[in-house]
Amino acid sequence: MQKSCQKIVRIEDGLIAEIYDGLLYRHFTDNDTALRELLMEDVGLDFDGILQTYEKLIHDLAASFPQLRPRIAEQLPEGWLEWAEESYSDDAPTLPSRNASAQVTG
């Protein structure tokens, strides 16, 4: 049997202000927290773990296929691949996943 859940999301000034899942209302003051809440419930897994997996996959693809690196780089925030190289290269210690766009400066 497939499990489905409909959610109502209220947006104010471009921010997710409230999520209603049929049982309770949850109020938010920032999109990051609200998006994590939506995604964690939908995928049923640790959001940071999922994010780290995708970050590492993108890094590994760019490192393994130099011909794809320019195409990958143009889809990401400036400096993201350099950040990923520092974070995910084989000799670098594994860092906890963070929002890559918030880390990149310049």
PDB file of N, CA and C in Angstrom:
ATOM      1  N   MET A   1       0.841  -1.179   0.000  1.00  0.00           N
ATOM      2  CA  MET A   1       0.000   0.000   0.000  1.00  0.00           C
ATOM      3  C   MET A   1       0.885   1.241   0.000  1.00  0.00           C
ATOM      4  N   GLN A   2       0.604   2.138  -0.900  1.00  0.00           N
ATOM      5  CA  GLN A   2       1.399   3.364  -0.996  1.00  0.00           C
ATOM      6  C   GLN A   2       0.942   4.375   0.042  1.00  0.00           C
ATOM      7  N   LYS A   3       1.906   4.954   0.709  1.00  0.00           N
ATOM      8  CA  LYS A   3       1.615   5.958   1.729  1.00  0.00           C
ATOM      9  C   LYS A   3       1.790   7.334   1.095  1.00  0.00           C
ATOM     10  N   SER A   4       0.791   8.179   1.218  1.00  0.00           N
ATOM     11  CA  SER A   4       0.916   9.530   0.668  1.00  0.00           C
ATOM     12  C   SER A   4       0.436  10.537   1.704  1.00  0.00           C
ATOM     13  N   CYS A   5       0.973  11.725   1.580  1.00  0.00           N
ATOM     14  CA  CYS A   5       0.635  12.781   2.521  1.00  0.00           C
ATOM     15  C   CYS A   5       0.577  14.093   1.753  1.00  0.00           C
ATOM     16  N   GLN A   6      -0.499  14.797   1.885  1.00  0.00           N
ATOM     17  CA  GLN A   6      -0.624  16.095   1.252  1.00  0.00           C
ATOM     18  C   GLN A   6      -0.320  17.163   2.284  1.00  0.00           C
ATOM     19  N   LYS A   7       0.464  18.138   1.881  1.00  0.00           N
ATOM     20  CA  LYS A   7       0.831  19.217   2.793  1.00  0.00           C
ATOM     21  C   LYS A   7       0.423  20.547   2.187  1.00  0.00           C
ATOM     22  N   ILE A   8       0.051  21.456   3.047  1.00  0.00           N
ATOM     23  CA  ILE A   8      -0.266  22.816   2.625  1.00  0.00           C
ATOM     24  C   ILE A   8       0.856  23.708   3.125  1.00  0.00           C
ATOM     25  N   VAL A   9       1.431  24.468   2.215  1.00  0.00           N
ATOM     26  CA  VAL A   9       2.549  25.349   2.554  1.00  0.00           C
ATOM     27  C   VAL A   9       2.102  26.782   2.325  1.00  0.00           C
ATOM     28  N   ARG A  10       2.250  27.629   3.355  1.00  0.00           N
ATOM     29  CA  ARG A  10       1.903  29.046   3.233  1.00  0.00           C
ATOM     30  C   ARG A  10       3.190  29.843   3.084  1.00  0.00           C
ATOM     31  N   ILE A  11       3.224  30.676   2.039  1.00  0.00           N
ATOM     32  CA  ILE A  11       4.392  31.496   1.726  1.00  0.00           C
ATOM     33  C   ILE A  11       4.074  32.950   2.034  1.00  0.00           C
ATOM     34  N   GLU A  12       5.001  33.635   2.705  1.00  0.00           N
ATOM     35  CA  GLU A  12       4.883  35.074   2.962  1.00  0.00           C
ATOM     36  C   GLU A  12       6.187  35.739   2.569  1.00  0.00           C
ATOM     37  N   ASP A  13       6.116  36.718   1.696  1.00  0.00           N
ATOM     38  CA  ASP A  13       7.293  37.471   1.262  1.00  0.00           C
ATOM     39  C   ASP A  13       8.410  36.557   0.775  1.00  0.00           C
ATOM     40  N   GLY A  14       8.054  35.509   0.046  1.00  0.00           N
ATOM     41  CA  GLY A  14       9.042  34.603  -0.513  1.00  0.00           C
ATOM     42  C   GLY A  14       9.610  33.589   0.465  1.00  0.00           C
ATOM     43  N   LEU A  15       9.117  33.556   1.690  1.00  0.00           N
ATOM     44  CA  LEU A  15       9.600  32.609   2.690  1.00  0.00           C
ATOM     45  C   LEU A  15       8.490  31.637   3.074  1.00  0.00           C
ATOM     46  N   ILE A  16       8.874  30.409   3.370  1.00  0.00           N
ATOM     47  CA  ILE A  16       7.908  29.437   3.867  1.00  0.00           C
ATOM     48  C   ILE A  16       7.582  29.815   5.307  1.00  0.00           C
ATOM     49  N   ALA A  17       6.345  30.207   5.536  1.00  0.00           N
ATOM     50  CA  ALA A  17       5.942  30.666   6.866  1.00  0.00           C
ATOM     51  C   ALA A  17       5.295  29.553   7.683  1.00  0.00           C
ATOM     52  N   GLU A  18       4.619  28.631   6.995  1.00  0.00           N
ATOM     53  CA  GLU A  18       3.840  27.639   7.728  1.00  0.00           C
ATOM     54  C   GLU A  18       3.657  26.393   6.876  1.00  0.00           C
ATOM     55  N   ILE A  19       3.685  25.245   7.524  1.00  0.00           N
ATOM     56  CA  ILE A  19       3.402  23.971   6.867  1.00  0.00           C
ATOM     57  C   ILE A  19       2.303  23.286   7.672  1.00  0.00           C
ATOM     58  N   TYR A  20       1.268  22.846   6.968  1.00  0.00           N
ATOM     59  CA  TYR A  20       0.180  22.110   7.606  1.00  0.00           C
ATOM     60  C   TYR A  20       0.102  20.738   6.950  1.00  0.00           C
ATOM     61  N   ASP A  21       0.187  19.682   7.744  1.00  0.00           N
ATOM     62  CA  ASP A  21       0.182  18.328   7.185  1.00  0.00           C
ATOM     63  C   ASP A  21      -1.118  17.573   7.450  1.00  0.00           C
ATOM     64  N   GLY A  22      -2.137  18.277   7.887  1.00  0.00           N
ATOM     65  CA  GLY A  22      -3.413  17.640   8.168  1.00  0.00           C
ATOM     66  C   GLY A  22      -3.621  17.365   9.641  1.00  0.00           C
ATOM     67  N   LEU A  23      -2.531  17.385  10.393  1.00  0.00           N
ATOM     68  CA  LEU A  23      -2.629  17.161  11.838  1.00  0.00           C
ATOM     69  C   LEU A  23      -2.229  18.385  12.636  1.00  0.00           C
ATOM     70  N   LEU A  24      -1.162  19.048  12.220  1.00  0.00           N
ATOM     71  CA  LEU A  24      -0.721  20.227  12.950  1.00  0.00           C
ATOM     72  C   LEU A  24      -0.059  21.242  12.039  1.00  0.00           C
ATOM     73  N   TYR A  25      -0.082  22.472  12.521  1.00  0.00           N
ATOM     74  CA  TYR A  25       0.570  23.577  11.834  1.00  0.00           C
ATOM     75  C   TYR A  25       1.964  23.743  12.420  1.00  0.00           C
ATOM     76  N   ARG A  26       2.940  23.929  11.551  1.00  0.00           N
ATOM     77  CA  ARG A  26       4.288  24.240  12.012  1.00  0.00           C
ATOM     78  C   ARG A  26       4.686  25.574  11.410  1.00  0.00           C
ATOM     79  N   HIS A  27       5.187  26.469  12.245  1.00  0.00           N
ATOM     80  CA  HIS A  27       5.568  27.811  11.818  1.00  0.00           C
ATOM     81  C   HIS A  27       7.081  27.884  11.669  1.00  0.00           C
ATOM     82  N   PHE A  28       7.540  28.639  10.649  1.00  0.00           N
ATOM     83  CA  PHE A  28       8.967  28.754  10.361  1.00  0.00           C
ATOM     84  C   PHE A  28       9.342  30.204  10.129  1.00  0.00           C
ATOM     85  N   THR A  29      10.587  30.519  10.440  1.00  0.00           N
ATOM     86  CA  THR A  29      11.105  31.868  10.208  1.00  0.00           C
ATOM     87  C   THR A  29      12.190  31.885   9.146  1.00  0.00           C
ATOM     88  N   ASP A  30      12.614  30.705   8.668  1.00  0.00           N
ATOM     89  CA  ASP A  30      13.605  30.672   7.591  1.00  0.00           C
ATOM     90  C   ASP A  30      13.338  29.471   6.684  1.00  0.00           C
ATOM     91  N   ASN A  31      13.673  29.637   5.411  1.00  0.00           N
ATOM     92  CA  ASN A  31      13.412  28.597   4.423  1.00  0.00           C
ATOM     93  C   ASN A  31      14.250  27.348   4.641  1.00  0.00           C
ATOM     94  N   ASP A  32      15.485  27.482   5.104  1.00  0.00           N
ATOM     95  CA  ASP A  32      16.335  26.307   5.295  1.00  0.00           C
ATOM     96  C   ASP A  32      15.691  25.306   6.251  1.00  0.00           C
ATOM     97  N   THR A  33      15.219  25.794   7.374  1.00  0.00           N
ATOM     98  CA  THR A  33      14.585  24.915   8.357  1.00  0.00           C
ATOM     99  C   THR A  33      13.310  24.303   7.787  1.00  0.00           C
ATOM    100  N   ALA A  34      12.521  25.104   7.103  1.00  0.00           N
ATOM    101  CA  ALA A  34      11.264  24.612   6.534  1.00  0.00           C
ATOM    102  C   ALA A  34      11.521  23.569   5.449  1.00  0.00           C
ATOM    103  N   LEU A  35      12.484  23.823   4.573  1.00  0.00           N
ATOM    104  CA  LEU A  35      12.792  22.859   3.515  1.00  0.00           C
ATOM    105  C   LEU A  35      13.325  21.556   4.095  1.00  0.00           C
ATOM    106  N   ARG A  36      14.160  21.657   5.096  1.00  0.00           N
ATOM    107  CA  ARG A  36      14.661  20.440   5.748  1.00  0.00           C
ATOM    108  C   ARG A  36      13.506  19.641   6.341  1.00  0.00           C
ATOM    109  N   GLU A  37      12.576  20.334   6.958  1.00  0.00           N
ATOM    110  CA  GLU A  37      11.414  19.669   7.546  1.00  0.00           C
ATOM    111  C   GLU A  37      10.613  18.941   6.465  1.00  0.00           C
ATOM    112  N   LEU A  38      10.366  19.604   5.355  1.00  0.00           N
ATOM    113  CA  LEU A  38       9.621  18.975   4.263  1.00  0.00           C
ATOM    114  C   LEU A  38      10.373  17.781   3.697  1.00  0.00           C
ATOM    115  N   LEU A  39      11.654  17.941   3.424  1.00  0.00           N
ATOM    116  CA  LEU A  39      12.431  16.873   2.809  1.00  0.00           C
ATOM    117  C   LEU A  39      12.651  15.699   3.751  1.00  0.00           C
ATOM    118  N   MET A  40      12.911  15.955   5.012  1.00  0.00           N
ATOM    119  CA  MET A  40      13.141  14.857   5.952  1.00  0.00           C
ATOM    120  C   MET A  40      11.907  13.986   6.072  1.00  0.00           C
ATOM    121  N   GLU A  41      10.750  14.601   6.114  1.00  0.00           N
ATOM    122  CA  GLU A  41       9.529  13.810   6.216  1.00  0.00           C
ATOM    123  C   GLU A  41       9.286  13.029   4.939  1.00  0.00           C
ATOM    124  N   ASP A  42       9.545  13.640   3.796  1.00  0.00           N
ATOM    125  CA  ASP A  42       9.267  12.975   2.532  1.00  0.00           C
ATOM    126  C   ASP A  42      10.212  11.816   2.263  1.00  0.00           C
ATOM    127  N   VAL A  43      11.490  11.993   2.519  1.00  0.00           N
ATOM    128  CA  VAL A  43      12.439  10.925   2.225  1.00  0.00           C
ATOM    129  C   VAL A  43      12.619   9.977   3.396  1.00  0.00           C
ATOM    130  N   GLY A  44      12.277  10.417   4.593  1.00  0.00           N
ATOM    131  CA  GLY A  44      12.373   9.562   5.753  1.00  0.00           C
ATOM    132  C   GLY A  44      13.799   9.257   6.175  1.00  0.00           C
ATOM    133  N   LEU A  45      14.741  10.051   5.756  1.00  0.00           N
ATOM    134  CA  LEU A  45      16.144   9.839   6.090  1.00  0.00           C
ATOM    135  C   LEU A  45      16.749  11.121   6.622  1.00  0.00           C
ATOM    136  N   ASP A  46      17.969  11.025   7.067  1.00  0.00           N
ATOM    137  CA  ASP A  46      18.703  12.180   7.556  1.00  0.00           C
ATOM    138  C   ASP A  46      19.060  13.093   6.384  1.00  0.00           C
ATOM    139  N   PHE A  47      18.539  14.311   6.389  1.00  0.00           N
ATOM    140  CA  PHE A  47      18.761  15.236   5.278  1.00  0.00           C
ATOM    141  C   PHE A  47      20.236  15.548   5.083  1.00  0.00           C
ATOM    142  N   ASP A  48      20.984  15.770   6.178  1.00  0.00           N
ATOM    143  CA  ASP A  48      22.406  16.075   6.045  1.00  0.00           C
ATOM    144  C   ASP A  48      23.168  14.915   5.423  1.00  0.00           C
ATOM    145  N   GLY A  49      22.808  13.699   5.755  1.00  0.00           N
ATOM    146  CA  GLY A  49      23.450  12.532   5.155  1.00  0.00           C
ATOM    147  C   GLY A  49      23.190  12.449   3.664  1.00  0.00           C
ATOM    148  N   ILE A  50      21.965  12.738   3.268  1.00  0.00           N
ATOM    149  CA  ILE A  50      21.618  12.732   1.846  1.00  0.00           C
ATOM    150  C   ILE A  50      22.384  13.824   1.118  1.00  0.00           C
ATOM    151  N   LEU A  51      22.425  15.014   1.698  1.00  0.00           N
ATOM    152  CA  LEU A  51      23.137  16.129   1.084  1.00  0.00           C
ATOM    153  C   LEU A  51      24.617  15.806   0.922  1.00  0.00           C
ATOM    154  N   GLN A  52      25.221  15.222   1.937  1.00  0.00           N
ATOM    155  CA  GLN A  52      26.639  14.869   1.864  1.00  0.00           C
ATOM    156  C   GLN A  52      26.880  13.833   0.769  1.00  0.00           C
ATOM    157  N   THR A  53      25.984  12.882   0.616  1.00  0.00           N
ATOM    158  CA  THR A  53      26.119  11.876  -0.434  1.00  0.00           C
ATOM    159  C   THR A  53      26.119  12.531  -1.811  1.00  0.00           C
ATOM    160  N   TYR A  54      25.190  13.449  -2.051  1.00  0.00           N
ATOM    161  CA  TYR A  54      25.129  14.118  -3.345  1.00  0.00           C
ATOM    162  C   TYR A  54      26.318  15.046  -3.571  1.00  0.00           C
ATOM    163  N   GLU A  55      26.761  15.734  -2.521  1.00  0.00           N
ATOM    164  CA  GLU A  55      27.945  16.590  -2.658  1.00  0.00           C
ATOM    165  C   GLU A  55      29.153  15.759  -3.072  1.00  0.00           C
ATOM    166  N   LYS A  56      29.350  14.614  -2.409  1.00  0.00           N
ATOM    167  CA  LYS A  56      30.491  13.743  -2.722  1.00  0.00           C
ATOM    168  C   LYS A  56      30.360  13.185  -4.131  1.00  0.00           C
ATOM    169  N   LEU A  57      29.164  12.804  -4.530  1.00  0.00           N
ATOM    170  CA  LEU A  57      28.948  12.279  -5.877  1.00  0.00           C
ATOM    171  C   LEU A  57      29.305  13.315  -6.937  1.00  0.00           C
ATOM    172  N   ILE A  58      28.865  14.549  -6.755  1.00  0.00           N
ATOM    173  CA  ILE A  58      29.191  15.618  -7.709  1.00  0.00           C
ATOM    174  C   ILE A  58      30.696  15.830  -7.750  1.00  0.00           C
ATOM    175  N   HIS A  59      31.334  15.870  -6.590  1.00  0.00           N
ATOM    176  CA  HIS A  59      32.795  16.024  -6.539  1.00  0.00           C
ATOM    177  C   HIS A  59      33.480  14.879  -7.284  1.00  0.00           C
ATOM    178  N   ASP A  60      33.075  13.641  -7.000  1.00  0.00           N
ATOM    179  CA  ASP A  60      33.707  12.481  -7.622  1.00  0.00           C
ATOM    180  C   ASP A  60      33.514  12.468  -9.135  1.00  0.00           C
ATOM    181  N   LEU A  61      32.347  12.862  -9.607  1.00  0.00           N
ATOM    182  CA  LEU A  61      32.115  12.935 -11.057  1.00  0.00           C
ATOM    183  C   LEU A  61      33.027  13.966 -11.708  1.00  0.00           C
ATOM    184  N   ALA A  62      33.132  15.138 -11.098  1.00  0.00           N
ATOM    185  CA  ALA A  62      33.990  16.190 -11.651  1.00  0.00           C
ATOM    186  C   ALA A  62      35.454  15.769 -11.633  1.00  0.00           C
ATOM    187  N   ALA A  63      35.872  15.045 -10.597  1.00  0.00           N
ATOM    188  CA  ALA A  63      37.266  14.600 -10.501  1.00  0.00           C
ATOM    189  C   ALA A  63      37.557  13.445 -11.455  1.00  0.00           C
ATOM    190  N   SER A  64      36.605  12.552 -11.649  1.00  0.00           N
ATOM    191  CA  SER A  64      36.821  11.371 -12.486  1.00  0.00           C
ATOM    192  C   SER A  64      36.686  11.644 -13.976  1.00  0.00           C
ATOM    193  N   PHE A  65      35.913  12.654 -14.330  1.00  0.00           N
ATOM    194  CA  PHE A  65      35.666  12.959 -15.738  1.00  0.00           C
ATOM    195  C   PHE A  65      35.999  14.419 -16.010  1.00  0.00           C
ATOM    196  N   PRO A  66      37.289  14.718 -16.238  1.00  0.00           N
ATOM    197  CA  PRO A  66      37.704  16.112 -16.452  1.00  0.00           C
ATOM    198  C   PRO A  66      36.942  16.799 -17.591  1.00  0.00           C
ATOM    199  N   GLN A  67      36.496  16.035 -18.574  1.00  0.00           N
ATOM    200  CA  GLN A  67      35.748  16.630 -19.680  1.00  0.00           C
ATOM    201  C   GLN A  67      34.377  17.143 -19.231  1.00  0.00           C
ATOM    202  N   LEU A  68      33.850  16.621 -18.127  1.00  0.00           N
ATOM    203  CA  LEU A  68      32.559  17.079 -17.600  1.00  0.00           C
ATOM    204  C   LEU A  68      32.691  18.233 -16.614  1.00  0.00           C
ATOM    205  N   ARG A  69      33.891  18.446 -16.092  1.00  0.00           N
ATOM    206  CA  ARG A  69      34.103  19.440 -15.040  1.00  0.00           C
ATOM    207  C   ARG A  69      33.587  20.837 -15.415  1.00  0.00           C
ATOM    208  N   PRO A  70      33.882  21.359 -16.632  1.00  0.00           N
ATOM    209  CA  PRO A  70      33.362  22.698 -16.964  1.00  0.00           C
ATOM    210  C   PRO A  70      31.827  22.758 -16.951  1.00  0.00           C
ATOM    211  N   ARG A  71      31.181  21.721 -17.459  1.00  0.00           N
ATOM    212  CA  ARG A  71      29.708  21.691 -17.483  1.00  0.00           C
ATOM    213  C   ARG A  71      29.145  21.623 -16.062  1.00  0.00           C
ATOM    214  N   ILE A  72      29.761  20.814 -15.224  1.00  0.00           N
ATOM    215  CA  ILE A  72      29.331  20.710 -13.828  1.00  0.00           C
ATOM    216  C   ILE A  72      29.541  22.046 -13.120  1.00  0.00           C
ATOM    217  N   ALA A  73      30.707  22.650 -13.334  1.00  0.00           N
ATOM    218  CA  ALA A  73      31.047  23.912 -12.657  1.00  0.00           C
ATOM    219  C   ALA A  73      30.074  25.030 -13.008  1.00  0.00           C
ATOM    220  N   GLU A  74      29.600  25.069 -14.245  1.00  0.00           N
ATOM    221  CA  GLU A  74      28.695  26.165 -14.620  1.00  0.00           C
ATOM    222  C   GLU A  74      27.305  26.012 -14.006  1.00  0.00           C
ATOM    223  N   GLN A  75      26.990  24.839 -13.493  1.00  0.00           N
ATOM    224  CA  GLN A  75      25.692  24.612 -12.852  1.00  0.00           C
ATOM    225  C   GLN A  75      25.720  24.873 -11.344  1.00  0.00           C
ATOM    226  N   LEU A  76      26.912  25.104 -10.795  1.00  0.00           N
ATOM    227  CA  LEU A  76      27.085  25.250  -9.347  1.00  0.00           C
ATOM    228  C   LEU A  76      27.486  26.672  -8.985  1.00  0.00           C
ATOM    229  N   PRO A  77      27.316  27.060  -7.719  1.00  0.00           N
ATOM    230  CA  PRO A  77      27.789  28.384  -7.290  1.00  0.00           C
ATOM    231  C   PRO A  77      29.297  28.503  -7.502  1.00  0.00           C
ATOM    232  N   GLU A  78      29.745  29.706  -7.783  1.00  0.00           N
ATOM    233  CA  GLU A  78      31.168  29.945  -8.010  1.00  0.00           C
ATOM    234  C   GLU A  78      31.979  29.485  -6.800  1.00  0.00           C
ATOM    235  N   GLY A  79      33.017  28.708  -7.056  1.00  0.00           N
ATOM    236  CA  GLY A  79      33.890  28.230  -5.995  1.00  0.00           C
ATOM    237  C   GLY A  79      33.453  26.924  -5.345  1.00  0.00           C
ATOM    238  N   TRP A  80      32.293  26.390  -5.746  1.00  0.00           N
ATOM    239  CA  TRP A  80      31.793  25.177  -5.101  1.00  0.00           C
ATOM    240  C   TRP A  80      32.716  23.990  -5.328  1.00  0.00           C
ATOM    241  N   LEU A  81      33.197  23.794  -6.548  1.00  0.00           N
ATOM    242  CA  LEU A  81      34.065  22.644  -6.813  1.00  0.00           C
ATOM    243  C   LEU A  81      35.362  22.721  -6.020  1.00  0.00           C
ATOM    244  N   GLU A  82      35.885  23.923  -5.831  1.00  0.00           N
ATOM    245  CA  GLU A  82      37.097  24.078  -5.024  1.00  0.00           C
ATOM    246  C   GLU A  82      36.807  23.711  -3.569  1.00  0.00           C
ATOM    247  N   TRP A  83      35.655  24.157  -3.063  1.00  0.00           N
ATOM    248  CA  TRP A  83      35.252  23.790  -1.706  1.00  0.00           C
ATOM    249  C   TRP A  83      35.100  22.274  -1.592  1.00  0.00           C
ATOM    250  N   ALA A  84      34.467  21.657  -2.591  1.00  0.00           N
ATOM    251  CA  ALA A  84      34.257  20.208  -2.565  1.00  0.00           C
ATOM    252  C   ALA A  84      35.585  19.462  -2.612  1.00  0.00           C
ATOM    253  N   GLU A  85      36.536  19.973  -3.377  1.00  0.00           N
ATOM    254  CA  GLU A  85      37.856  19.336  -3.443  1.00  0.00           C
ATOM    255  C   GLU A  85      38.509  19.327  -2.060  1.00  0.00           C
ATOM    256  N   GLU A  86      38.413  20.438  -1.348  1.00  0.00           N
ATOM    257  CA  GLU A  86      38.970  20.504   0.007  1.00  0.00           C
ATOM    258  C   GLU A  86      38.224  19.566   0.954  1.00  0.00           C
ATOM    259  N   SER A  87      36.925  19.457   0.786  1.00  0.00           N
ATOM    260  CA  SER A  87      36.101  18.678   1.704  1.00  0.00           C
ATOM    261  C   SER A  87      36.083  17.190   1.401  1.00  0.00           C
ATOM    262  N   TYR A  88      36.117  16.816   0.123  1.00  0.00           N
ATOM    263  CA  TYR A  88      35.867  15.434  -0.258  1.00  0.00           C
ATOM    264  C   TYR A  88      37.022  14.738  -0.956  1.00  0.00           C
ATOM    265  N   SER A  89      38.177  15.384  -1.098  1.00  0.00           N
ATOM    266  CA  SER A  89      39.298  14.667  -1.705  1.00  0.00           C
ATOM    267  C   SER A  89      39.676  13.515  -0.784  1.00  0.00           C
ATOM    268  N   ASP A  90      40.261  12.464  -1.342  1.00  0.00           N
ATOM    269  CA  ASP A  90      40.531  11.242  -0.582  1.00  0.00           C
ATOM    270  C   ASP A  90      41.388  11.462   0.649  1.00  0.00           C
ATOM    271  N   ASP A  91      42.327  12.421   0.608  1.00  0.00           N
ATOM    272  CA  ASP A  91      43.183  12.631   1.769  1.00  0.00           C
ATOM    273  C   ASP A  91      42.633  13.689   2.726  1.00  0.00           C
ATOM    274  N   ALA A  92      41.522  14.317   2.398  1.00  0.00           N
ATOM    275  CA  ALA A  92      40.924  15.305   3.304  1.00  0.00           C
ATOM    276  C   ALA A  92      40.031  14.583   4.303  1.00  0.00           C
ATOM    277  N   PRO A  93      39.988  15.051   5.541  1.00  0.00           N
ATOM    278  CA  PRO A  93      39.058  14.436   6.496  1.00  0.00           C
ATOM    279  C   PRO A  93      37.623  14.690   6.051  1.00  0.00           C
ATOM    280  N   THR A  94      36.750  13.728   6.288  1.00  0.00           N
ATOM    281  CA  THR A  94      35.350  13.883   5.914  1.00  0.00           C
ATOM    282  C   THR A  94      34.712  14.925   6.817  1.00  0.00           C
ATOM    283  N   LEU A  95      34.121  15.927   6.190  1.00  0.00           N
ATOM    284  CA  LEU A  95      33.476  17.001   6.937  1.00  0.00           C
ATOM    285  C   LEU A  95      31.983  16.756   6.980  1.00  0.00           C
ATOM    286  N   PRO A  96      31.319  17.204   8.039  1.00  0.00           N
ATOM    287  CA  PRO A  96      29.864  17.108   8.035  1.00  0.00           C
ATOM    288  C   PRO A  96      29.299  17.977   6.924  1.00  0.00           C
ATOM    289  N   SER A  97      28.228  17.521   6.330  1.00  0.00           N
ATOM    290  CA  SER A  97      27.633  18.251   5.220  1.00  0.00           C
ATOM    291  C   SER A  97      27.094  19.590   5.681  1.00  0.00           C
ATOM    292  N   ARG A  98      27.319  20.586   4.860  1.00  0.00           N
ATOM    293  CA  ARG A  98      26.788  21.920   5.119  1.00  0.00           C
ATOM    294  C   ARG A  98      26.224  22.448   3.816  1.00  0.00           C
ATOM    295  N   ASN A  99      25.459  23.506   3.912  1.00  0.00           N
ATOM    296  CA  ASN A  99      24.917  24.131   2.716  1.00  0.00           C
ATOM    297  C   ASN A  99      26.069  24.757   1.958  1.00  0.00           C
ATOM    298  N   ALA A 100      26.450  24.157   0.834  1.00  0.00           N
ATOM    299  CA  ALA A 100      27.632  24.590   0.096  1.00  0.00           C
ATOM    300  C   ALA A 100      27.517  26.024  -0.383  1.00  0.00           C
ATOM    301  N   SER A 101      26.343  26.441  -0.789  1.00  0.00           N
ATOM    302  CA  SER A 101      26.218  27.807  -1.294  1.00  0.00           C
ATOM    303  C   SER A 101      26.441  28.831  -0.190  1.00  0.00           C
ATOM    304  N   ALA A 102      26.169  28.457   1.049  1.00  0.00           N
ATOM    305  CA  ALA A 102      26.393  29.384   2.153  1.00  0.00           C
ATOM    306  C   ALA A 102      27.865  29.468   2.521  1.00  0.00           C
ATOM    307  N   GLN A 103      28.654  28.455   2.149  1.00  0.00           N
ATOM    308  CA  GLN A 103      30.061  28.439   2.505  1.00  0.00           C
ATOM    309  C   GLN A 103      30.925  29.175   1.501  1.00  0.00           C
ATOM    310  N   VAL A 104      30.489  29.221   0.274  1.00  0.00           N
ATOM    311  CA  VAL A 104      31.314  29.785  -0.786  1.00  0.00           C
ATOM    312  C   VAL A 104      31.280  31.300  -0.704  1.00  0.00           C
ATOM    313  N   THR A 105      32.440  31.907  -0.725  1.00  0.00           N
ATOM    314  CA  THR A 105      32.519  33.358  -0.728  1.00  0.00           C
ATOM    315  C   THR A 105      33.284  33.796  -1.952  1.00  0.00           C
ATOM    316  N   GLY A 106      33.005  34.999  -2.393  1.00  0.00           N
ATOM    317  CA  GLY A 106      33.777  35.557  -3.499  1.00  0.00           C
ATOM    318  C   GLY A 106      33.048  35.485  -4.726  1.00  0.00           C
TER     319      GLY A 106
END
